[in-house]
């Protein structure tokens, strides 16, 4: 898992990542966001070990939940599209309202 800023993962012989340096984890959730199969759950508690049951996490839909929340992955709504933060309107020009499927991209036809 090259995305980890503190290099907490090693690879097993099968190539699957495994956490080897838990104490170095910063709880940045980058690994969970980048996991292509939504197989990670990062506990928000960095100062203590948290025992988890993988089957229970899967049943609750928690595996990959950070990735889903931020909109990473095919078919997911991007978090930026949901952002209703008022300050963004002060720094960006107003967005024109367009019908669905209308784009600014001009296609040259001959």
N, C-alpha and C. Protein backbone atom coordinates (compact mmCIF):
# COMPACT_ATOMS: atom_id res chain seq x y z
N UNK A 1 0.85 -1.17 0.00
CA UNK A 1 0.00 0.00 0.00
C UNK A 1 0.89 1.23 0.00
N UNK A 2 1.26 1.62 -1.17
CA UNK A 2 2.19 2.74 -1.34
C UNK A 2 1.58 4.07 -0.92
N UNK A 3 0.27 4.16 -0.80
CA UNK A 3 -0.36 5.44 -0.46
C UNK A 3 -0.19 5.81 1.00
N UNK A 4 0.18 4.86 1.85
CA UNK A 4 0.30 5.13 3.28
C UNK A 4 1.47 6.06 3.56
N UNK A 5 1.20 7.23 4.16
CA UNK A 5 2.29 8.17 4.42
C UNK A 5 3.26 7.72 5.51
N UNK A 6 2.86 6.74 6.33
CA UNK A 6 3.75 6.27 7.38
C UNK A 6 4.17 4.82 7.19
N UNK A 7 3.85 4.25 6.02
CA UNK A 7 4.31 2.92 5.65
C UNK A 7 3.99 1.85 6.69
N UNK A 8 2.72 1.74 7.08
CA UNK A 8 2.34 0.76 8.09
C UNK A 8 2.09 -0.63 7.51
N UNK A 9 2.00 -0.75 6.18
CA UNK A 9 1.67 -2.02 5.55
C UNK A 9 2.89 -2.75 5.01
N UNK A 10 2.82 -4.07 5.05
CA UNK A 10 3.72 -4.95 4.32
C UNK A 10 2.84 -5.86 3.48
N UNK A 11 3.44 -6.55 2.53
CA UNK A 11 2.68 -7.49 1.70
C UNK A 11 2.92 -8.92 2.17
N UNK A 12 1.86 -9.70 2.13
CA UNK A 12 2.00 -11.13 2.42
C UNK A 12 2.55 -11.81 1.17
N UNK A 13 2.83 -13.10 1.25
CA UNK A 13 3.34 -13.82 0.08
C UNK A 13 2.33 -13.82 -1.06
N UNK A 14 1.04 -13.75 -0.71
CA UNK A 14 0.01 -13.72 -1.76
C UNK A 14 -0.14 -12.33 -2.38
N UNK A 15 0.52 -11.34 -1.77
CA UNK A 15 0.45 -9.98 -2.29
C UNK A 15 -0.54 -9.09 -1.56
N UNK A 16 -1.34 -9.67 -0.69
CA UNK A 16 -2.33 -8.89 0.06
C UNK A 16 -1.62 -8.03 1.11
N UNK A 17 -2.07 -6.80 1.30
CA UNK A 17 -1.45 -5.96 2.33
C UNK A 17 -1.87 -6.39 3.73
N UNK A 18 -0.95 -6.24 4.66
CA UNK A 18 -1.23 -6.54 6.06
C UNK A 18 -0.59 -5.44 6.90
N UNK A 19 -1.29 -5.02 7.95
CA UNK A 19 -0.76 -3.96 8.83
C UNK A 19 0.35 -4.54 9.69
N UNK A 20 1.51 -3.94 9.62
CA UNK A 20 2.66 -4.40 10.39
C UNK A 20 3.12 -3.39 11.43
N UNK A 21 2.82 -2.13 11.22
CA UNK A 21 3.28 -1.09 12.14
C UNK A 21 2.09 -0.22 12.57
N UNK A 22 1.15 -0.84 13.29
CA UNK A 22 -0.08 -0.18 13.72
C UNK A 22 0.20 1.11 14.49
N UNK A 23 1.22 1.10 15.32
CA UNK A 23 1.51 2.28 16.15
C UNK A 23 1.89 3.50 15.32
N UNK A 24 2.30 3.29 14.07
CA UNK A 24 2.68 4.40 13.21
C UNK A 24 1.49 5.00 12.44
N UNK A 25 0.33 4.35 12.52
CA UNK A 25 -0.84 4.81 11.77
C UNK A 25 -1.30 6.18 12.27
N UNK A 26 -1.56 7.09 11.32
CA UNK A 26 -2.02 8.46 11.64
C UNK A 26 -3.53 8.59 11.54
N UNK A 27 -4.22 7.53 11.17
CA UNK A 27 -5.67 7.55 10.97
C UNK A 27 -6.06 8.61 9.95
N UNK A 28 -5.36 8.60 8.83
CA UNK A 28 -5.65 9.57 7.77
C UNK A 28 -6.70 9.04 6.80
N UNK A 29 -7.00 7.72 6.86
CA UNK A 29 -8.01 7.06 6.04
C UNK A 29 -7.63 6.95 4.56
N UNK A 30 -6.40 7.32 4.20
CA UNK A 30 -6.00 7.24 2.80
C UNK A 30 -6.03 5.79 2.32
N UNK A 31 -5.58 4.86 3.14
CA UNK A 31 -5.59 3.46 2.72
C UNK A 31 -7.01 2.97 2.47
N UNK A 32 -7.93 3.37 3.32
CA UNK A 32 -9.32 2.95 3.13
C UNK A 32 -9.89 3.55 1.84
N UNK A 33 -9.53 4.79 1.57
CA UNK A 33 -10.03 5.43 0.35
C UNK A 33 -9.45 4.78 -0.91
N UNK A 34 -8.20 4.37 -0.86
CA UNK A 34 -7.54 3.81 -2.04
C UNK A 34 -7.76 2.31 -2.22
N UNK A 35 -8.26 1.62 -1.23
CA UNK A 35 -8.45 0.18 -1.35
C UNK A 35 -9.45 -0.11 -2.47
N UNK A 36 -9.01 -0.81 -3.52
CA UNK A 36 -9.88 -1.01 -4.68
C UNK A 36 -11.05 -1.94 -4.44
N UNK A 37 -11.03 -2.68 -3.34
CA UNK A 37 -12.12 -3.63 -3.09
C UNK A 37 -12.88 -3.32 -1.80
N UNK A 38 -12.73 -2.12 -1.28
CA UNK A 38 -13.44 -1.70 -0.06
C UNK A 38 -13.27 -2.69 1.10
N UNK A 39 -12.08 -3.21 1.26
CA UNK A 39 -11.84 -4.25 2.25
C UNK A 39 -11.22 -3.72 3.55
N UNK A 40 -11.11 -2.41 3.69
CA UNK A 40 -10.48 -1.86 4.89
C UNK A 40 -11.48 -1.10 5.75
N UNK A 41 -11.25 -1.17 7.03
CA UNK A 41 -11.97 -0.33 7.99
C UNK A 41 -10.91 0.27 8.89
N UNK A 42 -10.86 1.58 8.97
CA UNK A 42 -9.90 2.27 9.83
C UNK A 42 -10.66 2.80 11.03
N UNK A 43 -10.31 2.30 12.19
CA UNK A 43 -10.96 2.77 13.42
C UNK A 43 -10.50 4.19 13.71
N UNK A 44 -11.41 5.05 14.16
CA UNK A 44 -11.01 6.42 14.48
C UNK A 44 -10.21 6.54 15.77
N UNK A 45 -10.00 5.44 16.48
CA UNK A 45 -9.27 5.46 17.74
C UNK A 45 -7.82 5.06 17.50
N UNK A 46 -6.92 6.03 17.49
CA UNK A 46 -5.52 5.72 17.21
C UNK A 46 -4.71 5.37 18.45
N UNK A 47 -5.21 5.73 19.61
CA UNK A 47 -4.42 5.53 20.82
C UNK A 47 -4.69 4.19 21.51
N UNK A 48 -5.55 3.37 20.92
CA UNK A 48 -5.83 2.08 21.53
C UNK A 48 -6.15 1.06 20.44
N UNK A 49 -5.83 -0.19 20.73
CA UNK A 49 -6.17 -1.25 19.78
C UNK A 49 -7.65 -1.55 19.90
N UNK A 50 -8.30 -1.69 18.78
CA UNK A 50 -9.73 -1.99 18.76
C UNK A 50 -9.92 -3.33 18.09
N UNK A 51 -10.49 -4.28 18.81
CA UNK A 51 -10.77 -5.59 18.24
C UNK A 51 -12.01 -5.49 17.37
N UNK A 52 -11.93 -6.01 16.17
CA UNK A 52 -13.06 -5.98 15.25
C UNK A 52 -13.31 -7.37 14.70
N UNK A 53 -14.53 -7.60 14.33
CA UNK A 53 -14.93 -8.86 13.71
C UNK A 53 -15.23 -8.55 12.25
N UNK A 54 -14.41 -9.09 11.34
CA UNK A 54 -14.54 -8.77 9.93
C UNK A 54 -15.94 -9.09 9.39
N UNK A 55 -16.49 -10.21 9.79
CA UNK A 55 -17.83 -10.58 9.32
C UNK A 55 -18.88 -9.59 9.81
N UNK A 56 -18.74 -9.14 11.05
CA UNK A 56 -19.68 -8.16 11.60
C UNK A 56 -19.56 -6.82 10.87
N UNK A 57 -18.32 -6.39 10.60
CA UNK A 57 -18.12 -5.14 9.86
C UNK A 57 -18.74 -5.24 8.46
N UNK A 58 -18.54 -6.38 7.81
CA UNK A 58 -19.10 -6.58 6.47
C UNK A 58 -20.62 -6.56 6.53
N UNK A 59 -21.19 -7.22 7.53
CA UNK A 59 -22.66 -7.27 7.67
C UNK A 59 -23.24 -5.88 7.91
N UNK A 60 -22.52 -5.05 8.65
CA UNK A 60 -22.98 -3.68 8.93
C UNK A 60 -22.70 -2.72 7.78
N UNK A 61 -21.94 -3.16 6.79
CA UNK A 61 -21.60 -2.30 5.66
C UNK A 61 -20.54 -1.27 5.99
N UNK A 62 -19.72 -1.55 7.01
CA UNK A 62 -18.71 -0.59 7.45
C UNK A 62 -17.43 -0.69 6.63
N UNK A 63 -17.11 -1.88 6.10
CA UNK A 63 -15.91 -2.01 5.28
C UNK A 63 -16.02 -1.10 4.07
N UNK A 64 -15.04 -0.25 3.88
CA UNK A 64 -15.06 0.68 2.76
C UNK A 64 -15.97 1.88 2.96
N UNK A 65 -16.47 2.09 4.17
CA UNK A 65 -17.45 3.17 4.39
C UNK A 65 -16.84 4.55 4.17
N UNK A 66 -15.58 4.74 4.48
CA UNK A 66 -14.95 6.04 4.25
C UNK A 66 -14.88 6.32 2.75
N UNK A 67 -14.52 5.32 2.00
CA UNK A 67 -14.44 5.44 0.55
C UNK A 67 -15.81 5.81 -0.03
N UNK A 68 -16.84 5.18 0.48
CA UNK A 68 -18.19 5.50 0.01
C UNK A 68 -18.58 6.92 0.41
N UNK A 69 -18.25 7.32 1.63
CA UNK A 69 -18.59 8.66 2.13
C UNK A 69 -17.98 9.76 1.27
N UNK A 70 -16.73 9.57 0.86
CA UNK A 70 -16.08 10.61 0.07
C UNK A 70 -16.35 10.48 -1.42
N UNK A 71 -17.09 9.42 -1.81
CA UNK A 71 -17.49 9.29 -3.20
C UNK A 71 -16.47 8.67 -4.12
N UNK A 72 -15.49 7.94 -3.57
CA UNK A 72 -14.49 7.28 -4.42
C UNK A 72 -15.04 5.95 -4.86
N UNK A 73 -14.85 5.64 -6.11
CA UNK A 73 -15.26 4.35 -6.63
C UNK A 73 -16.32 4.53 -7.71
N UNK A 74 -16.41 3.56 -8.57
CA UNK A 74 -17.35 3.64 -9.69
C UNK A 74 -18.80 3.78 -9.22
N UNK A 75 -19.51 4.67 -9.85
CA UNK A 75 -20.94 4.82 -9.60
C UNK A 75 -21.31 5.55 -8.32
N UNK A 76 -20.35 6.11 -7.62
CA UNK A 76 -20.65 6.81 -6.36
C UNK A 76 -20.71 8.30 -6.59
N UNK A 77 -21.59 8.96 -5.86
CA UNK A 77 -21.69 10.41 -5.96
C UNK A 77 -20.52 11.04 -5.21
N UNK A 78 -19.84 11.94 -5.88
CA UNK A 78 -18.66 12.59 -5.30
C UNK A 78 -19.08 13.53 -4.19
N UNK A 79 -18.30 13.54 -3.11
CA UNK A 79 -18.58 14.39 -1.96
C UNK A 79 -18.64 15.85 -2.37
N UNK A 80 -17.79 16.25 -3.29
CA UNK A 80 -17.79 17.64 -3.74
C UNK A 80 -19.13 18.03 -4.36
N UNK A 81 -19.78 17.08 -5.00
CA UNK A 81 -21.09 17.37 -5.60
C UNK A 81 -22.16 17.60 -4.54
N UNK A 82 -21.94 17.05 -3.36
CA UNK A 82 -22.90 17.21 -2.26
C UNK A 82 -22.61 18.41 -1.38
N UNK A 83 -21.41 18.98 -1.51
CA UNK A 83 -20.97 20.06 -0.63
C UNK A 83 -21.86 21.29 -0.76
N UNK A 84 -22.45 21.70 0.33
CA UNK A 84 -23.30 22.88 0.36
C UNK A 84 -22.68 23.99 1.22
N UNK A 85 -21.37 23.91 1.42
CA UNK A 85 -20.67 24.87 2.26
C UNK A 85 -20.81 26.28 1.69
N UNK A 86 -21.34 27.25 2.47
CA UNK A 86 -21.57 28.59 1.94
C UNK A 86 -20.31 29.30 1.44
N UNK A 87 -19.16 29.06 2.06
CA UNK A 87 -17.96 29.82 1.67
C UNK A 87 -17.54 29.54 0.25
N UNK A 88 -17.86 28.36 -0.27
CA UNK A 88 -17.43 28.03 -1.62
C UNK A 88 -18.02 29.00 -2.64
N UNK A 89 -19.23 29.50 -2.37
CA UNK A 89 -19.86 30.45 -3.28
C UNK A 89 -19.14 31.80 -3.29
N UNK A 90 -18.40 32.08 -2.23
CA UNK A 90 -17.66 33.35 -2.17
C UNK A 90 -16.36 33.30 -2.95
N UNK A 91 -15.82 32.10 -3.16
CA UNK A 91 -14.53 32.03 -3.84
C UNK A 91 -14.63 31.52 -5.27
N UNK A 92 -15.74 30.91 -5.63
CA UNK A 92 -15.92 30.42 -6.99
C UNK A 92 -16.94 31.29 -7.73
N UNK A 93 -16.77 31.43 -9.03
CA UNK A 93 -17.79 32.15 -9.79
C UNK A 93 -19.09 31.35 -9.78
N UNK A 94 -20.23 32.02 -9.94
CA UNK A 94 -21.49 31.29 -9.94
C UNK A 94 -21.53 30.25 -11.07
N UNK A 95 -22.12 29.13 -10.78
CA UNK A 95 -22.26 28.08 -11.79
C UNK A 95 -23.54 28.31 -12.58
N UNK A 96 -23.43 28.30 -13.90
CA UNK A 96 -24.65 28.43 -14.69
C UNK A 96 -25.51 27.18 -14.53
N UNK A 97 -26.82 27.37 -14.50
CA UNK A 97 -27.74 26.24 -14.41
C UNK A 97 -27.99 25.74 -15.82
N UNK A 98 -27.75 24.46 -16.03
CA UNK A 98 -27.91 23.86 -17.35
C UNK A 98 -28.80 22.64 -17.25
N UNK A 99 -29.43 22.32 -18.36
CA UNK A 99 -30.19 21.08 -18.42
C UNK A 99 -29.24 19.90 -18.34
N UNK A 100 -29.72 18.78 -17.87
CA UNK A 100 -28.89 17.59 -17.77
C UNK A 100 -28.33 17.22 -19.13
N UNK A 101 -27.04 16.89 -19.15
CA UNK A 101 -26.40 16.48 -20.39
C UNK A 101 -25.79 17.60 -21.18
N UNK A 102 -26.01 18.86 -20.77
CA UNK A 102 -25.43 20.00 -21.48
C UNK A 102 -24.04 20.26 -20.94
N UNK A 103 -23.11 20.52 -21.82
CA UNK A 103 -21.71 20.68 -21.44
C UNK A 103 -21.13 21.95 -22.09
N UNK A 104 -20.03 22.43 -21.51
CA UNK A 104 -19.30 23.55 -22.10
C UNK A 104 -18.37 23.10 -23.22
N UNK A 105 -18.19 21.80 -23.36
CA UNK A 105 -17.27 21.28 -24.36
C UNK A 105 -17.88 21.49 -25.75
N UNK A 106 -17.12 22.15 -26.59
CA UNK A 106 -17.56 22.41 -27.96
C UNK A 106 -16.96 21.34 -28.87
N UNK A 107 -17.79 20.68 -29.60
CA UNK A 107 -17.34 19.66 -30.54
C UNK A 107 -17.40 20.26 -31.93
N UNK A 108 -16.25 20.21 -32.60
CA UNK A 108 -16.19 20.77 -33.95
C UNK A 108 -16.74 19.74 -34.93
N UNK A 109 -17.68 20.19 -35.72
CA UNK A 109 -18.25 19.32 -36.75
C UNK A 109 -17.95 19.90 -38.11
N UNK A 110 -17.71 19.08 -39.06
CA UNK A 110 -17.39 19.53 -40.42
C UNK A 110 -18.52 19.22 -41.35
